[in-house]
C-alpha atoms as a PDB file:
ATOM      1  CA  MET A   1       0.000   0.000   0.000  1.00  0.00           C
ATOM      2  CA  PRO A   2       1.458   3.416  -0.926  1.00  0.00           C
ATOM      3  CA  HIS A   3       2.266   6.041   1.696  1.00  0.00           C
ATOM      4  CA  HIS A   4       1.555   9.728   1.084  1.00  0.00           C
ATOM      5  CA  HIS A   5       2.396  12.867   3.035  1.00  0.00           C
ATOM      6  CA  PHE A   6       0.023  15.787   2.436  1.00  0.00           C
ATOM      7  CA  GLY A   7       2.146  18.250   4.353  1.00  0.00           C
ATOM      8  CA  ASP A   8       2.752  21.955   4.427  1.00  0.00           C
ATOM      9  CA  THR A   9       5.416  23.160   2.029  1.00  0.00           C
ATOM     10  CA  ASP A  10       7.462  25.284   4.410  1.00  0.00           C
ATOM     11  CA  PRO A  11      10.780  23.845   5.628  1.00  0.00           C
ATOM     12  CA  ALA A  12       9.082  22.300   8.679  1.00  0.00           C
ATOM     13  CA  GLY A  13       6.662  20.406   6.417  1.00  0.00           C
ATOM     14  CA  TRP A  14       9.525  19.081   4.300  1.00  0.00           C
ATOM     15  CA  HIS A  15      11.333  18.118   7.501  1.00  0.00           C
ATOM     16  CA  ILE A  16       8.332  16.007   8.499  1.00  0.00           C
ATOM     17  CA  LEU A  17       8.532  14.242   5.125  1.00  0.00           C
ATOM     18  CA  LEU A  18      12.228  13.591   5.739  1.00  0.00           C
ATOM     19  CA  LYS A  19      11.498  12.134   9.185  1.00  0.00           C
ATOM     20  CA  LEU A  20       8.777   9.888   7.726  1.00  0.00           C
ATOM     21  CA  ARG A  21      11.177   8.641   5.055  1.00  0.00           C
ATOM     22  CA  GLU A  22      13.876   8.002   7.679  1.00  0.00           C
ATOM     23  CA  ALA A  23      11.414   6.018   9.808  1.00  0.00           C
ATOM     24  CA  THR A  24      10.265   3.523   7.193  1.00  0.00           C
ATOM     25  CA  PRO A  25      11.922   1.509   4.441  1.00  0.00           C
ATOM     26  CA  ARG A  26       8.855   2.107   2.242  1.00  0.00           C
ATOM     27  CA  HIS A  27       8.774   5.212   0.076  1.00  0.00           C
ATOM     28  CA  VAL A  28       6.589   8.046   1.386  1.00  0.00           C
ATOM     29  CA  GLU A  29       5.333  10.103  -1.531  1.00  0.00           C
ATOM     30  CA  ALA A  30       4.907  13.879  -1.273  1.00  0.00           C
ATOM     31  CA  TYR A  31       1.294  14.567  -2.223  1.00  0.00           C
ATOM     32  CA  HIS A  32       0.445  18.000  -3.692  1.00  0.00           C
ATOM     33  CA  MET A  33       3.566  19.466  -2.125  1.00  0.00           C
ATOM     34  CA  GLN A  34       4.652  22.153  -4.551  1.00  0.00           C
ATOM     35  CA  TRP A  35       5.994  25.564  -3.579  1.00  0.00           C
ATOM     36  CA  ARG A  36       3.407  28.244  -4.403  1.00  0.00           C
ATOM     37  CA  PRO A  37       3.931  31.989  -4.181  1.00  0.00           C
ATOM     38  CA  ALA A  38       1.767  33.787  -1.639  1.00  0.00           C
ATOM     39  CA  SER A  39      -0.078  37.060  -2.183  1.00  0.00           C
ATOM     40  CA  ALA A  40       2.164  38.585   0.501  1.00  0.00           C
ATOM     41  CA  PRO A  41       5.735  37.494   1.307  1.00  0.00           C
ATOM     42  CA  SER A  42       6.192  34.931   4.062  1.00  0.00           C
ATOM     43  CA  PRO A  43       9.822  35.406   5.112  1.00  0.00           C
ATOM     44  CA  LEU A  44      11.905  32.514   6.327  1.00  0.00           C
ATOM     45  CA  THR A  45      12.235  32.139  10.072  1.00  0.00           C
ATOM     46  CA  PRO A  46      15.561  31.400  11.761  1.00  0.00           C
ATOM     47  CA  TYR A  47      14.358  27.789  12.143  1.00  0.00           C
ATOM     48  CA  ASP A  48      13.582  27.635   8.398  1.00  0.00           C
ATOM     49  CA  ARG A  49      17.064  28.920   7.541  1.00  0.00           C
ATOM     50  CA  GLN A  50      18.589  26.321   9.865  1.00  0.00           C
ATOM     51  CA  LEU A  51      16.631  23.455   8.246  1.00  0.00           C
ATOM     52  CA  LEU A  52      17.144  24.334   4.579  1.00  0.00           C
ATOM     53  CA  PRO A  53      20.758  23.112   4.191  1.00  0.00           C
ATOM     54  CA  LYS A  54      19.868  19.774   5.795  1.00  0.00           C
ATOM     55  CA  LEU A  55      16.830  19.370   3.543  1.00  0.00           C
ATOM     56  CA  LEU A  56      18.691  20.364   0.386  1.00  0.00           C
ATOM     57  CA  ASN A  57      21.540  17.937   1.126  1.00  0.00           C
ATOM     58  CA  SER A  58      19.452  14.923   2.097  1.00  0.00           C
ATOM     59  CA  PRO A  59      19.535  12.082  -0.436  1.00  0.00           C
ATOM     60  CA  LEU A  60      16.120  11.009   0.875  1.00  0.00           C
ATOM     61  CA  LEU A  61      14.629  14.227  -0.536  1.00  0.00           C
ATOM     62  CA  ALA A  62      16.318  14.141  -3.940  1.00  0.00           C
ATOM     63  CA  ASP A  63      12.975  13.734  -5.741  1.00  0.00           C
ATOM     64  CA  VAL A  64      11.556  16.921  -4.160  1.00  0.00           C
ATOM     65  CA  ARG A  65      14.754  18.991  -4.070  1.00  0.00           C
ATOM     66  CA  PRO A  66      13.492  21.465  -6.744  1.00  0.00           C
ATOM     67  CA  GLU A  67      10.557  22.412  -4.500  1.00  0.00           C
ATOM     68  CA  ILE A  68      12.823  22.936  -1.493  1.00  0.00           C
ATOM     69  CA  ALA A  69      15.314  24.856  -3.654  1.00  0.00           C
ATOM     70  CA  ALA A  70      12.514  27.249  -4.657  1.00  0.00           C
ATOM     71  CA  ILE A  71      12.130  28.218  -1.006  1.00  0.00           C
ATOM     72  CA  ALA A  72      15.863  28.834  -0.662  1.00  0.00           C
ATOM     73  CA  ARG A  73      16.060  30.749  -3.950  1.00  0.00           C
ATOM     74  CA  CYS A  74      13.110  33.027  -3.114  1.00  0.00           C
ATOM     75  CA  HIS A  75      13.877  33.349   0.636  1.00  0.00           C
ATOM     76  CA  ASP A  76      10.129  32.913   1.063  1.00  0.00           C
ATOM     77  CA  ARG A  77       7.950  30.140   2.461  1.00  0.00           C
ATOM     78  CA  GLY A  78       5.235  31.059  -0.035  1.00  0.00           C
ATOM     79  CA  ASP A  79       1.655  29.854   0.349  1.00  0.00           C
ATOM     80  CA  PHE A  80       2.705  26.860   2.420  1.00  0.00           C
ATOM     81  CA  GLU A  81      -0.470  25.920   4.317  1.00  0.00           C
ATOM     82  CA  GLN A  82      -2.078  22.975   2.533  1.00  0.00           C
ATOM     83  CA  GLU A  83      -5.485  24.060   3.861  1.00  0.00           C
ATOM     84  CA  THR A  84      -5.417  26.906   1.324  1.00  0.00           C
ATOM     85  CA  LEU A  85      -5.813  24.318  -1.445  1.00  0.00           C
ATOM     86  CA  GLY A  86      -9.313  23.498  -0.238  1.00  0.00           C
ATOM     87  CA  PRO A  87     -10.787  20.018  -0.161  1.00  0.00           C
ATOM     88  CA  PRO A  88      -9.590  17.721  -2.940  1.00  0.00           C
ATOM     89  CA  ALA A  89     -11.963  16.463  -5.599  1.00  0.00           C
ATOM     90  CA  ALA A  90     -13.156  12.909  -5.036  1.00  0.00           C
ATOM     91  CA  ASP A  91     -11.048  11.712  -7.968  1.00  0.00           C
ATOM     92  CA  GLY A  92      -8.007  13.753  -6.858  1.00  0.00           C
ATOM     93  CA  TRP A  93      -6.888  11.517  -4.021  1.00  0.00           C
ATOM     94  CA  PRO A  94      -4.298   8.841  -4.668  1.00  0.00           C
ATOM     95  CA  PHE A  95      -6.401   6.382  -2.679  1.00  0.00           C
ATOM     96  CA  ARG A  96     -10.026   5.439  -3.245  1.00  0.00           C
END
């Protein structure tokens, strides 16, 4: 059975994905986790800046590195709360 993480897309959300991947030998897929610009800037916190190098250098996050790199490049968390996406369509979930 596939594993999915529908997490926030700020550094803390990516860190949770990393921890999930470290905890299990099965692949945990990032679900709808793409960096999105926000209507107003959401500057990085000191904690975000501390996490980014670890996230960018982790081989376990190689498949999502471009999304994490967008945060580092823009110095902005963007629209990171997954709740802003609204409820998914019934056919949009990876599991039925």
